[in-house]
Amino acid sequence: LFPSGGPYRVVIDVYPQQTTPQPNFQLFTRMQVKGAYTPQPLPPPQREVRVDGYRFALRSEPRLRAIQAAFLSFTVTGPNGAPAHFTPWYGALAHAIFFRKGSLDYFHTHVCAPGAPNCTSLLGGAKVTGTSSTPGKLSVGVLVPVAGTWRLFLQCLVDGRLLTAPFTLRVR
C-alpha cells in the first residue's frame, strides 16, 4: 500500500548470489498512484536525527561535490546514550541509500566491518565503501553523480531493530 496518491519511483537493487565479487544492478520504473497528491518540501539539512529513541549525529558539516568521493562520519547512540552495536544486515553493517530531489537519481553504498567479504560499493570505477570498526561509529562513503539536493536514508540493524535515519544533503 502507498501512503498517498501521486508519482512514485520503484527501485530494485539486486546483488545476484554467486562466488565471485558481486556486481549489482538496478531496475527502475515509475508509477502513478491514484488519489490526492500534495508535494511536500524536503526538510532542511540537519546534523542530528532521532529514530525510535536512537540518536544519529553527523559529526561535521558535509562539503560534498558531485563525482568526488567523500566520507560522512556519524555517531549512533541508543536510548540509554550508549554507543550502538551494529549487526550485519544483507552483508553490511549499514546501508546508505541516496535519492536526488526532483529526478530521484539513485545511489547505494555500504558501511562494512573490517575484513567483511563481498562488502563493497562501486560507481563506475570508483570504490567508496564506508567502514565501521567501533561501536556507535559509521564512516559513510558518498559518491553521487550530479549536484543538487539529495536525501540520504541511513539504515542499520541495532538491537534487532531496523533503523532508518533520513538526512538532507546539499551537493555542489
Protein backbone atom coordinates (compact mmCIF):
# COMPACT_ATOMS: atom_id res chain seq x y z
CA LEU A 1 0.00 0.00 0.00
CA PHE A 2 1.12 3.53 -0.73
CA PRO A 3 0.69 6.27 1.88
CA SER A 4 -0.88 8.68 -0.62
CA GLY A 5 -1.57 9.23 -4.28
CA GLY A 6 0.98 10.71 -6.64
CA PRO A 7 4.08 9.83 -8.63
CA TYR A 8 6.40 7.11 -7.32
CA ARG A 9 9.69 5.64 -8.50
CA VAL A 10 10.24 1.96 -7.77
CA VAL A 11 13.85 0.76 -7.38
CA ILE A 12 15.02 -2.84 -7.22
CA ASP A 13 18.71 -3.10 -6.27
CA VAL A 14 19.93 -6.65 -6.88
CA TYR A 15 23.11 -8.49 -5.90
CA PRO A 16 22.98 -11.95 -7.52
CA GLN A 17 24.18 -14.81 -5.33
CA GLN A 18 27.50 -16.02 -6.72
CA THR A 19 31.01 -16.86 -5.58
CA THR A 20 32.84 -14.06 -7.46
CA PRO A 21 32.69 -10.42 -6.31
CA GLN A 22 29.12 -9.32 -6.58
CA PRO A 23 28.25 -6.91 -9.38
CA ASN A 24 24.93 -5.35 -8.65
CA PHE A 25 22.35 -3.89 -10.96
CA GLN A 26 19.24 -1.81 -10.53
CA LEU A 27 15.83 -1.93 -12.15
CA PHE A 28 13.67 1.20 -12.16
CA THR A 29 10.11 2.06 -13.08
CA ARG A 30 7.77 4.95 -12.44
CA MET A 31 4.15 4.63 -11.43
CA GLN A 32 1.27 6.97 -10.75
CA VAL A 33 -0.90 6.08 -7.74
CA LYS A 34 -4.45 7.39 -7.84
CA GLY A 35 -5.50 9.75 -5.09
CA ALA A 36 -4.79 13.18 -3.73
CA TYR A 37 -1.20 14.36 -4.13
CA THR A 38 0.32 17.32 -2.32
CA PRO A 39 4.08 17.69 -2.87
CA GLN A 40 5.98 18.16 0.39
CA PRO A 41 9.25 20.10 0.63
CA LEU A 42 12.32 18.25 1.87
CA PRO A 43 13.35 19.20 5.38
CA PRO A 44 16.42 21.44 5.57
CA PRO A 45 19.79 19.82 6.27
CA GLN A 46 20.27 18.94 9.93
CA ARG A 47 23.09 17.29 11.81
CA GLU A 48 21.01 15.11 14.15
CA VAL A 49 18.09 12.73 13.68
CA ARG A 50 16.31 10.62 16.30
CA VAL A 51 14.69 7.34 15.30
CA ASP A 52 12.87 5.18 17.89
CA GLY A 53 14.98 6.71 20.68
CA TYR A 54 18.30 6.21 18.82
CA ARG A 55 20.35 9.31 18.03
CA PHE A 56 22.14 9.59 14.67
CA ALA A 57 24.55 12.54 14.67
CA LEU A 58 26.52 13.79 11.69
CA ARG A 59 29.85 14.78 13.23
CA SER A 60 30.80 17.59 10.82
CA GLU A 61 29.23 19.85 8.21
CA PRO A 62 29.24 17.94 4.90
CA ARG A 63 31.09 19.56 1.99
CA LEU A 64 30.04 17.31 -0.86
CA ARG A 65 30.77 17.69 -4.56
CA ALA A 66 29.38 15.70 -7.46
CA ILE A 67 31.61 12.88 -8.74
CA GLN A 68 34.09 13.36 -5.88
CA ALA A 69 34.24 10.60 -3.29
CA ALA A 70 33.79 11.80 0.30
CA PHE A 71 33.03 10.29 3.68
CA LEU A 72 30.49 11.37 6.28
CA SER A 73 31.16 10.48 9.94
CA PHE A 74 28.19 9.55 12.10
CA THR A 75 27.81 8.56 15.73
CA VAL A 76 24.84 6.43 16.71
CA THR A 77 23.75 6.07 20.33
CA GLY A 78 20.93 4.12 21.90
CA PRO A 79 18.11 5.44 24.07
CA ASN A 80 20.40 4.95 27.11
CA GLY A 81 23.18 7.05 25.50
CA ALA A 82 25.50 4.07 24.94
CA PRO A 83 27.13 3.54 21.52
CA ALA A 84 25.01 1.39 19.21
CA HIS A 85 26.23 -2.12 18.34
CA PHE A 86 25.58 -2.80 14.65
CA THR A 87 24.54 -6.23 13.41
CA PRO A 88 25.45 -7.21 9.84
CA TRP A 89 22.39 -6.97 7.62
CA TYR A 90 22.50 -8.07 3.97
CA GLY A 91 26.30 -8.25 4.16
CA ALA A 92 26.94 -4.78 5.62
CA LEU A 93 26.79 -3.02 8.99
CA ALA A 94 24.85 -0.16 7.40
CA HIS A 95 23.39 0.78 4.04
CA ALA A 96 23.23 4.34 2.73
CA ILE A 97 20.61 4.98 0.06
CA PHE A 98 20.61 8.34 -1.72
CA PHE A 99 17.84 9.90 -3.87
CA ARG A 100 18.16 13.22 -5.68
CA LYS A 101 15.37 15.77 -5.33
CA GLY A 102 13.28 16.10 -8.49
CA SER A 103 14.82 13.36 -10.61
CA LEU A 104 15.09 10.68 -7.90
CA ASP A 105 18.54 9.72 -9.23
CA TYR A 106 19.75 6.89 -7.00
CA PHE A 107 22.97 5.73 -5.34
CA HIS A 108 23.50 2.99 -2.73
CA THR A 109 26.64 2.41 -0.68
CA HIS A 110 27.65 0.18 2.23
CA VAL A 111 29.38 0.52 5.57
CA CYS A 112 31.48 -2.61 6.08
CA ALA A 113 33.07 -4.31 9.05
CA PRO A 114 36.84 -4.84 8.76
CA GLY A 115 37.52 -7.86 6.55
CA ALA A 116 33.86 -8.35 5.54
CA PRO A 117 33.76 -10.45 2.35
CA ASN A 118 31.95 -9.10 -0.73
CA CYS A 119 31.00 -5.85 1.02
CA THR A 120 31.78 -3.02 -1.35
CA SER A 121 30.26 -0.08 -3.20
CA LEU A 122 31.22 0.98 -6.70
CA LEU A 123 30.21 3.80 -9.02
CA GLY A 124 31.90 3.50 -12.39
CA GLY A 125 35.47 2.56 -11.48
CA ALA A 126 35.48 4.33 -8.09
CA LYS A 127 35.19 2.46 -4.80
CA VAL A 128 33.50 4.36 -1.94
CA THR A 129 32.95 1.75 0.72
CA GLY A 130 32.34 3.06 4.22
CA THR A 131 33.72 1.43 7.35
CA SER A 132 32.94 0.81 10.99
CA SER A 133 35.24 -0.86 13.49
CA THR A 134 33.98 0.83 16.68
CA PRO A 135 30.50 0.55 18.19
CA GLY A 136 28.44 3.65 17.53
CA LYS A 137 30.62 4.99 14.71
CA LEU A 138 29.95 4.87 10.98
CA SER A 139 32.01 6.29 8.14
CA VAL A 140 29.64 6.52 5.16
CA GLY A 141 31.05 6.74 1.62
CA VAL A 142 29.37 9.22 -0.72
CA LEU A 143 29.86 9.48 -4.48
CA VAL A 144 26.83 10.91 -6.24
CA PRO A 145 26.86 11.59 -9.99
CA VAL A 146 25.37 15.11 -10.09
CA ALA A 147 24.95 18.19 -7.92
CA GLY A 148 21.68 19.02 -6.20
CA THR A 149 19.75 18.26 -3.04
CA TRP A 150 19.94 14.61 -2.05
CA ARG A 151 18.05 12.66 0.60
CA LEU A 152 20.15 10.08 2.44
CA PHE A 153 18.42 7.17 4.16
CA LEU A 154 20.98 5.60 6.51
CA GLN A 155 19.85 2.10 7.54
CA CYS A 156 21.31 -0.21 10.16
CA LEU A 157 20.24 -3.11 12.34
CA VAL A 158 20.69 -2.38 16.07
CA ASP A 159 19.32 -4.49 18.94
CA GLY A 160 17.20 -6.47 16.46
CA ARG A 161 15.59 -3.28 15.12
CA LEU A 162 15.98 -1.97 11.60
CA LEU A 163 16.50 1.78 11.89
CA THR A 164 16.27 4.27 9.03
CA ALA A 165 17.63 7.77 9.64
CA PRO A 166 16.87 10.38 6.93
CA PHE A 167 19.22 13.29 6.22
CA THR A 168 19.03 16.06 3.60
CA LEU A 169 22.36 16.80 1.89
CA ARG A 170 23.41 19.56 -0.49
CA VAL A 171 25.90 18.54 -3.18
CA ARG A 172 27.75 21.15 -5.26
